[in-house]
mmCIF file of all heavy atoms, coordinates in Angstrom:
data_MODEL
# 
_entry.id   MODEL 
# 
loop_
_atom_site.group_PDB 
_atom_site.id 
_atom_site.type_symbol 
_atom_site.label_atom_id 
_atom_site.label_alt_id 
_atom_site.label_comp_id 
_atom_site.label_asym_id 
_atom_site.label_entity_id 
_atom_site.label_seq_id 
_atom_site.pdbx_PDB_ins_code 
_atom_site.Cartn_x 
_atom_site.Cartn_y 
_atom_site.Cartn_z 
_atom_site.occupancy 
_atom_site.B_iso_or_equiv 
_atom_site.pdbx_formal_charge 
_atom_site.auth_seq_id 
_atom_site.auth_comp_id 
_atom_site.auth_asym_id 
_atom_site.auth_atom_id 
_atom_site.pdbx_PDB_model_num 
ATOM 1   N N   . MET A 1 1  ? 82.805 123.929 126.913 1.00 0.00 ? 1  MET A N   1 
ATOM 2   C CA  . MET A 1 1  ? 82.976 124.097 128.336 1.00 0.00 ? 1  MET A CA  1 
ATOM 3   C C   . MET A 1 1  ? 83.620 125.437 128.648 1.00 0.00 ? 1  MET A C   1 
ATOM 4   O O   . MET A 1 1  ? 83.197 126.135 129.556 1.00 0.00 ? 1  MET A O   1 
ATOM 5   C CB  . MET A 1 1  ? 83.839 122.945 128.853 1.00 0.00 ? 1  MET A CB  1 
ATOM 6   C CG  . MET A 1 1  ? 84.308 123.107 130.237 1.00 0.00 ? 1  MET A CG  1 
ATOM 7   S SD  . MET A 1 1  ? 83.234 122.271 131.351 1.00 0.00 ? 1  MET A SD  1 
ATOM 8   C CE  . MET A 1 1  ? 84.109 122.471 132.851 1.00 0.00 ? 1  MET A CE  1 
ATOM 9   N N   . ALA A 1 2  ? 84.664 125.810 127.894 1.00 0.00 ? 2  ALA A N   1 
ATOM 10  C CA  . ALA A 1 2  ? 85.357 127.067 128.161 1.00 0.00 ? 2  ALA A CA  1 
ATOM 11  C C   . ALA A 1 2  ? 84.445 128.262 127.882 1.00 0.00 ? 2  ALA A C   1 
ATOM 12  O O   . ALA A 1 2  ? 84.482 129.256 128.613 1.00 0.00 ? 2  ALA A O   1 
ATOM 13  C CB  . ALA A 1 2  ? 86.627 127.151 127.326 1.00 0.00 ? 2  ALA A CB  1 
ATOM 14  N N   . ALA A 1 3  ? 83.617 128.161 126.848 1.00 0.00 ? 3  ALA A N   1 
ATOM 15  C CA  . ALA A 1 3  ? 82.696 129.262 126.548 1.00 0.00 ? 3  ALA A CA  1 
ATOM 16  C C   . ALA A 1 3  ? 81.643 129.421 127.651 1.00 0.00 ? 3  ALA A C   1 
ATOM 17  O O   . ALA A 1 3  ? 81.275 130.538 128.016 1.00 0.00 ? 3  ALA A O   1 
ATOM 18  C CB  . ALA A 1 3  ? 82.018 129.020 125.204 1.00 0.00 ? 3  ALA A CB  1 
ATOM 19  N N   . MET A 1 4  ? 81.178 128.291 128.189 1.00 0.00 ? 4  MET A N   1 
ATOM 20  C CA  . MET A 1 4  ? 80.202 128.365 129.288 1.00 0.00 ? 4  MET A CA  1 
ATOM 21  C C   . MET A 1 4  ? 80.816 128.992 130.529 1.00 0.00 ? 4  MET A C   1 
ATOM 22  O O   . MET A 1 4  ? 80.172 129.793 131.214 1.00 0.00 ? 4  MET A O   1 
ATOM 23  C CB  . MET A 1 4  ? 79.663 126.970 129.613 1.00 0.00 ? 4  MET A CB  1 
ATOM 24  C CG  . MET A 1 4  ? 78.749 126.421 128.568 1.00 0.00 ? 4  MET A CG  1 
ATOM 25  S SD  . MET A 1 4  ? 77.967 124.823 128.953 1.00 0.00 ? 4  MET A SD  1 
ATOM 26  C CE  . MET A 1 4  ? 78.873 124.139 130.277 1.00 0.00 ? 4  MET A CE  1 
ATOM 27  N N   . VAL A 1 5  ? 82.051 128.656 130.820 1.00 0.00 ? 5  VAL A N   1 
ATOM 28  C CA  . VAL A 1 5  ? 82.736 129.237 131.980 1.00 0.00 ? 5  VAL A CA  1 
ATOM 29  C C   . VAL A 1 5  ? 82.920 130.729 131.792 1.00 0.00 ? 5  VAL A C   1 
ATOM 30  O O   . VAL A 1 5  ? 82.725 131.521 132.726 1.00 0.00 ? 5  VAL A O   1 
ATOM 31  C CB  . VAL A 1 5  ? 84.100 128.526 132.192 1.00 0.00 ? 5  VAL A CB  1 
ATOM 32  C CG1 . VAL A 1 5  ? 84.942 129.250 133.218 1.00 0.00 ? 5  VAL A CG1 1 
ATOM 33  C CG2 . VAL A 1 5  ? 83.878 127.085 132.597 1.00 0.00 ? 5  VAL A CG2 1 
ATOM 34  N N   . ASN A 1 6  ? 83.250 131.139 130.575 1.00 0.00 ? 6  ASN A N   1 
ATOM 35  C CA  . ASN A 1 6  ? 83.424 132.556 130.270 1.00 0.00 ? 6  ASN A CA  1 
ATOM 36  C C   . ASN A 1 6  ? 82.139 133.337 130.530 1.00 0.00 ? 6  ASN A C   1 
ATOM 37  O O   . ASN A 1 6  ? 82.146 134.359 131.215 1.00 0.00 ? 6  ASN A O   1 
ATOM 38  C CB  . ASN A 1 6  ? 83.869 132.699 128.818 1.00 0.00 ? 6  ASN A CB  1 
ATOM 39  C CG  . ASN A 1 6  ? 84.358 134.086 128.483 1.00 0.00 ? 6  ASN A CG  1 
ATOM 40  O OD1 . ASN A 1 6  ? 84.248 135.015 129.260 1.00 0.00 ? 6  ASN A OD1 1 
ATOM 41  N ND2 . ASN A 1 6  ? 84.908 134.219 127.305 1.00 0.00 ? 6  ASN A ND2 1 
ATOM 42  N N   . VAL A 1 7  ? 81.042 132.856 129.992 1.00 0.00 ? 7  VAL A N   1 
ATOM 43  C CA  . VAL A 1 7  ? 79.763 133.540 130.161 1.00 0.00 ? 7  VAL A CA  1 
ATOM 44  C C   . VAL A 1 7  ? 79.287 133.468 131.604 1.00 0.00 ? 7  VAL A C   1 
ATOM 45  O O   . VAL A 1 7  ? 78.738 134.446 132.127 1.00 0.00 ? 7  VAL A O   1 
ATOM 46  C CB  . VAL A 1 7  ? 78.708 132.953 129.193 1.00 0.00 ? 7  VAL A CB  1 
ATOM 47  C CG1 . VAL A 1 7  ? 77.333 133.522 129.475 1.00 0.00 ? 7  VAL A CG1 1 
ATOM 48  C CG2 . VAL A 1 7  ? 79.103 133.234 127.767 1.00 0.00 ? 7  VAL A CG2 1 
ATOM 49  N N   . LEU A 1 8  ? 79.522 132.353 132.267 1.00 0.00 ? 8  LEU A N   1 
ATOM 50  C CA  . LEU A 1 8  ? 79.137 132.233 133.667 1.00 0.00 ? 8  LEU A CA  1 
ATOM 51  C C   . LEU A 1 8  ? 79.865 133.267 134.521 1.00 0.00 ? 8  LEU A C   1 
ATOM 52  O O   . LEU A 1 8  ? 79.271 133.883 135.414 1.00 0.00 ? 8  LEU A O   1 
ATOM 53  C CB  . LEU A 1 8  ? 79.426 130.823 134.174 1.00 0.00 ? 8  LEU A CB  1 
ATOM 54  C CG  . LEU A 1 8  ? 78.935 130.498 135.570 1.00 0.00 ? 8  LEU A CG  1 
ATOM 55  C CD1 . LEU A 1 8  ? 77.419 130.573 135.630 1.00 0.00 ? 8  LEU A CD1 1 
ATOM 56  C CD2 . LEU A 1 8  ? 79.408 129.128 135.993 1.00 0.00 ? 8  LEU A CD2 1 
ATOM 57  N N   . GLY A 1 9  ? 81.137 133.495 134.247 1.00 0.00 ? 9  GLY A N   1 
ATOM 58  C CA  . GLY A 1 9  ? 81.884 134.525 134.964 1.00 0.00 ? 9  GLY A CA  1 
ATOM 59  C C   . GLY A 1 9  ? 81.304 135.907 134.737 1.00 0.00 ? 9  GLY A C   1 
ATOM 60  O O   . GLY A 1 9  ? 81.204 136.721 135.657 1.00 0.00 ? 9  GLY A O   1 
ATOM 61  N N   . GLN A 1 10 ? 80.889 136.189 133.508 1.00 0.00 ? 10 GLN A N   1 
ATOM 62  C CA  . GLN A 1 10 ? 80.274 137.487 133.210 1.00 0.00 ? 10 GLN A CA  1 
ATOM 63  C C   . GLN A 1 10 ? 78.912 137.627 133.883 1.00 0.00 ? 10 GLN A C   1 
ATOM 64  O O   . GLN A 1 10 ? 78.581 138.698 134.398 1.00 0.00 ? 10 GLN A O   1 
ATOM 65  C CB  . GLN A 1 10 ? 80.139 137.679 131.704 1.00 0.00 ? 10 GLN A CB  1 
ATOM 66  C CG  . GLN A 1 10 ? 81.453 137.938 131.021 1.00 0.00 ? 10 GLN A CG  1 
ATOM 67  C CD  . GLN A 1 10 ? 81.284 138.191 129.541 1.00 0.00 ? 10 GLN A CD  1 
ATOM 68  O OE1 . GLN A 1 10 ? 80.332 137.718 128.919 1.00 0.00 ? 10 GLN A OE1 1 
ATOM 69  N NE2 . GLN A 1 10 ? 82.221 138.925 128.969 1.00 0.00 ? 10 GLN A NE2 1 
ATOM 70  N N   . ILE A 1 11 ? 78.127 136.564 133.899 1.00 0.00 ? 11 ILE A N   1 
ATOM 71  C CA  . ILE A 1 11 ? 76.812 136.630 134.540 1.00 0.00 ? 11 ILE A CA  1 
ATOM 72  C C   . ILE A 1 11 ? 76.953 136.861 136.037 1.00 0.00 ? 11 ILE A C   1 
ATOM 73  O O   . ILE A 1 11 ? 76.253 137.701 136.618 1.00 0.00 ? 11 ILE A O   1 
ATOM 74  C CB  . ILE A 1 11 ? 76.000 135.350 134.246 1.00 0.00 ? 11 ILE A CB  1 
ATOM 75  C CG1 . ILE A 1 11 ? 75.589 135.307 132.786 1.00 0.00 ? 11 ILE A CG1 1 
ATOM 76  C CG2 . ILE A 1 11 ? 74.777 135.262 135.146 1.00 0.00 ? 11 ILE A CG2 1 
ATOM 77  C CD1 . ILE A 1 11 ? 74.963 134.003 132.354 1.00 0.00 ? 11 ILE A CD1 1 
ATOM 78  N N   . ILE A 1 12 ? 77.866 136.147 136.676 1.00 0.00 ? 12 ILE A N   1 
ATOM 79  C CA  . ILE A 1 12 ? 78.071 136.323 138.119 1.00 0.00 ? 12 ILE A CA  1 
ATOM 80  C C   . ILE A 1 12 ? 78.532 137.739 138.426 1.00 0.00 ? 12 ILE A C   1 
ATOM 81  O O   . ILE A 1 12 ? 78.070 138.373 139.385 1.00 0.00 ? 12 ILE A O   1 
ATOM 82  C CB  . ILE A 1 12 ? 79.065 135.269 138.650 1.00 0.00 ? 12 ILE A CB  1 
ATOM 83  C CG1 . ILE A 1 12 ? 78.420 133.892 138.608 1.00 0.00 ? 12 ILE A CG1 1 
ATOM 84  C CG2 . ILE A 1 12 ? 79.528 135.607 140.060 1.00 0.00 ? 12 ILE A CG2 1 
ATOM 85  C CD1 . ILE A 1 12 ? 79.369 132.759 138.904 1.00 0.00 ? 12 ILE A CD1 1 
ATOM 86  N N   . THR A 1 13 ? 79.429 138.279 137.600 1.00 0.00 ? 13 THR A N   1 
ATOM 87  C CA  . THR A 1 13 ? 79.894 139.649 137.808 1.00 0.00 ? 13 THR A CA  1 
ATOM 88  C C   . THR A 1 13 ? 78.766 140.642 137.622 1.00 0.00 ? 13 THR A C   1 
ATOM 89  O O   . THR A 1 13 ? 78.645 141.604 138.404 1.00 0.00 ? 13 THR A O   1 
ATOM 90  C CB  . THR A 1 13 ? 81.039 139.966 136.838 1.00 0.00 ? 13 THR A CB  1 
ATOM 91  O OG1 . THR A 1 13 ? 82.074 139.000 137.017 1.00 0.00 ? 13 THR A OG1 1 
ATOM 92  C CG2 . THR A 1 13 ? 81.601 141.344 137.086 1.00 0.00 ? 13 THR A CG2 1 
ATOM 93  N N   . ALA A 1 14 ? 77.926 140.446 136.628 1.00 0.00 ? 14 ALA A N   1 
ATOM 94  C CA  . ALA A 1 14 ? 76.800 141.359 136.406 1.00 0.00 ? 14 ALA A CA  1 
ATOM 95  C C   . ALA A 1 14 ? 75.832 141.327 137.581 1.00 0.00 ? 14 ALA A C   1 
ATOM 96  O O   . ALA A 1 14 ? 75.324 142.366 138.011 1.00 0.00 ? 14 ALA A O   1 
ATOM 97  C CB  . ALA A 1 14 ? 76.071 140.990 135.115 1.00 0.00 ? 14 ALA A CB  1 
ATOM 98  N N   . VAL A 1 15 ? 75.590 140.152 138.129 1.00 0.00 ? 15 VAL A N   1 
ATOM 99  C CA  . VAL A 1 15 ? 74.687 140.034 139.276 1.00 0.00 ? 15 VAL A CA  1 
ATOM 100 C C   . VAL A 1 15 ? 75.303 140.696 140.509 1.00 0.00 ? 15 VAL A C   1 
ATOM 101 O O   . VAL A 1 15 ? 74.627 141.402 141.255 1.00 0.00 ? 15 VAL A O   1 
ATOM 102 C CB  . VAL A 1 15 ? 74.350 138.550 139.544 1.00 0.00 ? 15 VAL A CB  1 
ATOM 103 C CG1 . VAL A 1 15 ? 73.638 138.374 140.871 1.00 0.00 ? 15 VAL A CG1 1 
ATOM 104 C CG2 . VAL A 1 15 ? 73.494 137.998 138.419 1.00 0.00 ? 15 VAL A CG2 1 
ATOM 105 N N   . LEU A 1 16 ? 76.610 140.487 140.723 1.00 0.00 ? 16 LEU A N   1 
ATOM 106 C CA  . LEU A 1 16 ? 77.262 141.097 141.882 1.00 0.00 ? 16 LEU A CA  1 
ATOM 107 C C   . LEU A 1 16 ? 77.294 142.624 141.796 1.00 0.00 ? 16 LEU A C   1 
ATOM 108 O O   . LEU A 1 16 ? 77.213 143.298 142.813 1.00 0.00 ? 16 LEU A O   1 
ATOM 109 C CB  . LEU A 1 16 ? 78.687 140.555 142.034 1.00 0.00 ? 16 LEU A CB  1 
ATOM 110 C CG  . LEU A 1 16 ? 78.807 139.114 142.504 1.00 0.00 ? 16 LEU A CG  1 
ATOM 111 C CD1 . LEU A 1 16 ? 80.262 138.679 142.508 1.00 0.00 ? 16 LEU A CD1 1 
ATOM 112 C CD2 . LEU A 1 16 ? 78.212 138.937 143.883 1.00 0.00 ? 16 LEU A CD2 1 
ATOM 113 N N   . PHE A 1 17 ? 77.416 143.149 140.594 1.00 0.00 ? 17 PHE A N   1 
ATOM 114 C CA  . PHE A 1 17 ? 77.434 144.603 140.420 1.00 0.00 ? 17 PHE A CA  1 
ATOM 115 C C   . PHE A 1 17 ? 76.049 145.178 140.208 1.00 0.00 ? 17 PHE A C   1 
ATOM 116 O O   . PHE A 1 17 ? 75.908 146.349 139.892 1.00 0.00 ? 17 PHE A O   1 
ATOM 117 C CB  . PHE A 1 17 ? 78.319 144.991 139.236 1.00 0.00 ? 17 PHE A CB  1 
ATOM 118 C CG  . PHE A 1 17 ? 79.772 144.790 139.475 1.00 0.00 ? 17 PHE A CG  1 
ATOM 119 C CD1 . PHE A 1 17 ? 80.619 144.529 138.409 1.00 0.00 ? 17 PHE A CD1 1 
ATOM 120 C CD2 . PHE A 1 17 ? 80.323 144.867 140.741 1.00 0.00 ? 17 PHE A CD2 1 
ATOM 121 C CE1 . PHE A 1 17 ? 81.969 144.351 138.609 1.00 0.00 ? 17 PHE A CE1 1 
ATOM 122 C CE2 . PHE A 1 17 ? 81.675 144.691 140.949 1.00 0.00 ? 17 PHE A CE2 1 
ATOM 123 C CZ  . PHE A 1 17 ? 82.501 144.433 139.882 1.00 0.00 ? 17 PHE A CZ  1 
ATOM 124 N N   . THR A 1 18 ? 75.011 144.384 140.396 1.00 0.00 ? 18 THR A N   1 
ATOM 125 C CA  . THR A 1 18 ? 73.603 144.755 140.215 1.00 0.00 ? 18 THR A CA  1 
ATOM 126 C C   . THR A 1 18 ? 73.359 145.454 138.876 1.00 0.00 ? 18 THR A C   1 
ATOM 127 O O   . THR A 1 18 ? 72.712 146.487 138.802 1.00 0.00 ? 18 THR A O   1 
ATOM 128 C CB  . THR A 1 18 ? 73.082 145.639 141.370 1.00 0.00 ? 18 THR A CB  1 
ATOM 129 O OG1 . THR A 1 18 ? 73.830 146.859 141.405 1.00 0.00 ? 18 THR A OG1 1 
ATOM 130 C CG2 . THR A 1 18 ? 73.167 144.916 142.694 1.00 0.00 ? 18 THR A CG2 1 
ATOM 131 N N   . GLY A 1 19 ? 73.902 144.865 137.838 1.00 0.00 ? 19 GLY A N   1 
ATOM 132 C CA  . GLY A 1 19 ? 73.659 145.372 136.499 1.00 0.00 ? 19 GLY A CA  1 
ATOM 133 C C   . GLY A 1 19 ? 72.422 144.729 135.917 1.00 0.00 ? 19 GLY A C   1 
ATOM 134 O O   . GLY A 1 19 ? 72.035 143.621 136.287 1.00 0.00 ? 19 GLY A O   1 
ATOM 135 N N   . ASN A 1 20 ? 71.774 145.451 135.031 1.00 0.00 ? 20 ASN A N   1 
ATOM 136 C CA  . ASN A 1 20 ? 70.599 144.910 134.343 1.00 0.00 ? 20 ASN A CA  1 
ATOM 137 C C   . ASN A 1 20 ? 71.061 144.163 133.102 1.00 0.00 ? 20 ASN A C   1 
ATOM 138 O O   . ASN A 1 20 ? 71.538 144.767 132.147 1.00 0.00 ? 20 ASN A O   1 
ATOM 139 C CB  . ASN A 1 20 ? 69.646 146.038 133.944 1.00 0.00 ? 20 ASN A CB  1 
ATOM 140 C CG  . ASN A 1 20 ? 69.048 146.713 135.155 1.00 0.00 ? 20 ASN A CG  1 
ATOM 141 O OD1 . ASN A 1 20 ? 68.929 146.108 136.205 1.00 0.00 ? 20 ASN A OD1 1 
ATOM 142 N ND2 . ASN A 1 20 ? 68.698 147.984 135.009 1.00 0.00 ? 20 ASN A ND2 1 
ATOM 143 N N   . VAL A 1 21 ? 70.917 142.865 133.120 1.00 0.00 ? 21 VAL A N   1 
ATOM 144 C CA  . VAL A 1 21 ? 71.352 142.037 132.002 1.00 0.00 ? 21 VAL A CA  1 
ATOM 145 C C   . VAL A 1 21 ? 70.272 142.086 130.927 1.00 0.00 ? 21 VAL A C   1 
ATOM 146 O O   . VAL A 1 21 ? 69.143 141.664 131.142 1.00 0.00 ? 21 VAL A O   1 
ATOM 147 C CB  . VAL A 1 21 ? 71.606 140.581 132.459 1.00 0.00 ? 21 VAL A CB  1 
ATOM 148 C CG1 . VAL A 1 21 ? 72.004 139.723 131.271 1.00 0.00 ? 21 VAL A CG1 1 
ATOM 149 C CG2 . VAL A 1 21 ? 72.659 140.535 133.546 1.00 0.00 ? 21 VAL A CG2 1 
ATOM 150 N N   . GLU A 1 22 ? 70.657 142.594 129.774 1.00 0.00 ? 22 GLU A N   1 
ATOM 151 C CA  . GLU A 1 22 ? 69.728 142.665 128.647 1.00 0.00 ? 22 GLU A CA  1 
ATOM 152 C C   . GLU A 1 22 ? 69.832 141.418 127.781 1.00 0.00 ? 22 GLU A C   1 
ATOM 153 O O   . GLU A 1 22 ? 68.830 140.816 127.442 1.00 0.00 ? 22 GLU A O   1 
ATOM 154 C CB  . GLU A 1 22 ? 70.014 143.916 127.803 1.00 0.00 ? 22 GLU A CB  1 
ATOM 155 C CG  . GLU A 1 22 ? 69.920 145.226 128.568 1.00 0.00 ? 22 GLU A CG  1 
ATOM 156 C CD  . GLU A 1 22 ? 68.515 145.541 129.048 1.00 0.00 ? 22 GLU A CD  1 
ATOM 157 O OE1 . GLU A 1 22 ? 67.552 145.130 128.370 1.00 0.00 ? 22 GLU A OE1 1 
ATOM 158 O OE2 . GLU A 1 22 ? 68.396 146.199 130.091 1.00 0.00 ? 22 GLU A OE2 1 
ATOM 159 N N   . LYS A 1 23 ? 71.073 141.045 127.428 1.00 0.00 ? 23 LYS A N   1 
ATOM 160 C CA  . LYS A 1 23 ? 71.242 139.850 126.583 1.00 0.00 ? 23 LYS A CA  1 
ATOM 161 C C   . LYS A 1 23 ? 72.672 139.354 126.654 1.00 0.00 ? 23 LYS A C   1 
ATOM 162 O O   . LYS A 1 23 ? 73.602 140.103 126.942 1.00 0.00 ? 23 LYS A O   1 
ATOM 163 C CB  . LYS A 1 23 ? 70.873 140.135 125.131 1.00 0.00 ? 23 LYS A CB  1 
ATOM 164 C CG  . LYS A 1 23 ? 71.804 141.108 124.441 1.00 0.00 ? 23 LYS A CG  1 
ATOM 165 C CD  . LYS A 1 23 ? 71.406 141.321 123.011 1.00 0.00 ? 23 LYS A CD  1 
ATOM 166 C CE  . LYS A 1 23 ? 72.302 142.398 122.398 1.00 0.00 ? 23 LYS A CE  1 
ATOM 167 N NZ  . LYS A 1 23 ? 71.995 142.656 121.006 1.00 0.00 ? 23 LYS A NZ  1 
ATOM 168 N N   . PHE A 1 24 ? 72.847 138.063 126.413 1.00 0.00 ? 24 PHE A N   1 
ATOM 169 C CA  . PHE A 1 24 ? 74.135 137.406 126.254 1.00 0.00 ? 24 PHE A CA  1 
ATOM 170 C C   . PHE A 1 24 ? 74.071 136.598 124.975 1.00 0.00 ? 24 PHE A C   1 
ATOM 171 O O   . PHE A 1 24 ? 73.164 135.789 124.796 1.00 0.00 ? 24 PHE A O   1 
ATOM 172 C CB  . PHE A 1 24 ? 74.437 136.458 127.415 1.00 0.00 ? 24 PHE A CB  1 
ATOM 173 C CG  . PHE A 1 24 ? 75.008 137.123 128.620 1.00 0.00 ? 24 PHE A CG  1 
ATOM 174 C CD1 . PHE A 1 24 ? 74.215 137.392 129.711 1.00 0.00 ? 24 PHE A CD1 1 
ATOM 175 C CD2 . PHE A 1 24 ? 76.344 137.476 128.664 1.00 0.00 ? 24 PHE A CD2 1 
ATOM 176 C CE1 . PHE A 1 24 ? 74.726 138.003 130.827 1.00 0.00 ? 24 PHE A CE1 1 
ATOM 177 C CE2 . PHE A 1 24 ? 76.875 138.085 129.777 1.00 0.00 ? 24 PHE A CE2 1 
ATOM 178 C CZ  . PHE A 1 24 ? 76.072 138.356 130.858 1.00 0.00 ? 24 PHE A CZ  1 
ATOM 179 N N   . ILE A 1 25 ? 75.004 136.823 124.089 1.00 0.00 ? 25 ILE A N   1 
ATOM 180 C CA  . ILE A 1 25 ? 75.102 136.039 122.858 1.00 0.00 ? 25 ILE A CA  1 
ATOM 181 C C   . ILE A 1 25 ? 76.487 135.412 122.861 1.00 0.00 ? 25 ILE A C   1 
ATOM 182 O O   . ILE A 1 25 ? 77.489 136.109 122.952 1.00 0.00 ? 25 ILE A O   1 
ATOM 183 C CB  . ILE A 1 25 ? 74.912 136.925 121.610 1.00 0.00 ? 25 ILE A CB  1 
ATOM 184 C CG1 . ILE A 1 25 ? 73.542 137.587 121.645 1.00 0.00 ? 25 ILE A CG1 1 
ATOM 185 C CG2 . ILE A 1 25 ? 75.107 136.106 120.343 1.00 0.00 ? 25 ILE A CG2 1 
ATOM 186 C CD1 . ILE A 1 25 ? 73.323 138.612 120.569 1.00 0.00 ? 25 ILE A CD1 1 
ATOM 187 N N   . THR A 1 26 ? 76.537 134.095 122.765 1.00 0.00 ? 26 THR A N   1 
ATOM 188 C CA  . THR A 1 26 ? 77.817 133.399 122.833 1.00 0.00 ? 26 THR A CA  1 
ATOM 189 C C   . THR A 1 26 ? 77.996 132.527 121.601 1.00 0.00 ? 26 THR A C   1 
ATOM 190 O O   . THR A 1 26 ? 77.117 131.750 121.249 1.00 0.00 ? 26 THR A O   1 
ATOM 191 C CB  . THR A 1 26 ? 77.882 132.520 124.094 1.00 0.00 ? 26 THR A CB  1 
ATOM 192 O OG1 . THR A 1 26 ? 77.686 133.355 125.226 1.00 0.00 ? 26 THR A OG1 1 
ATOM 193 C CG2 . THR A 1 26 ? 79.208 131.842 124.211 1.00 0.00 ? 26 THR A CG2 1 
# 
């Protein structure tokens, strides 16, 4: 659960900053 919350926070930040997400490895 904590790892999902961590990555979810990063994904939301990347979307808000209009970054191009290449990959997430958790």
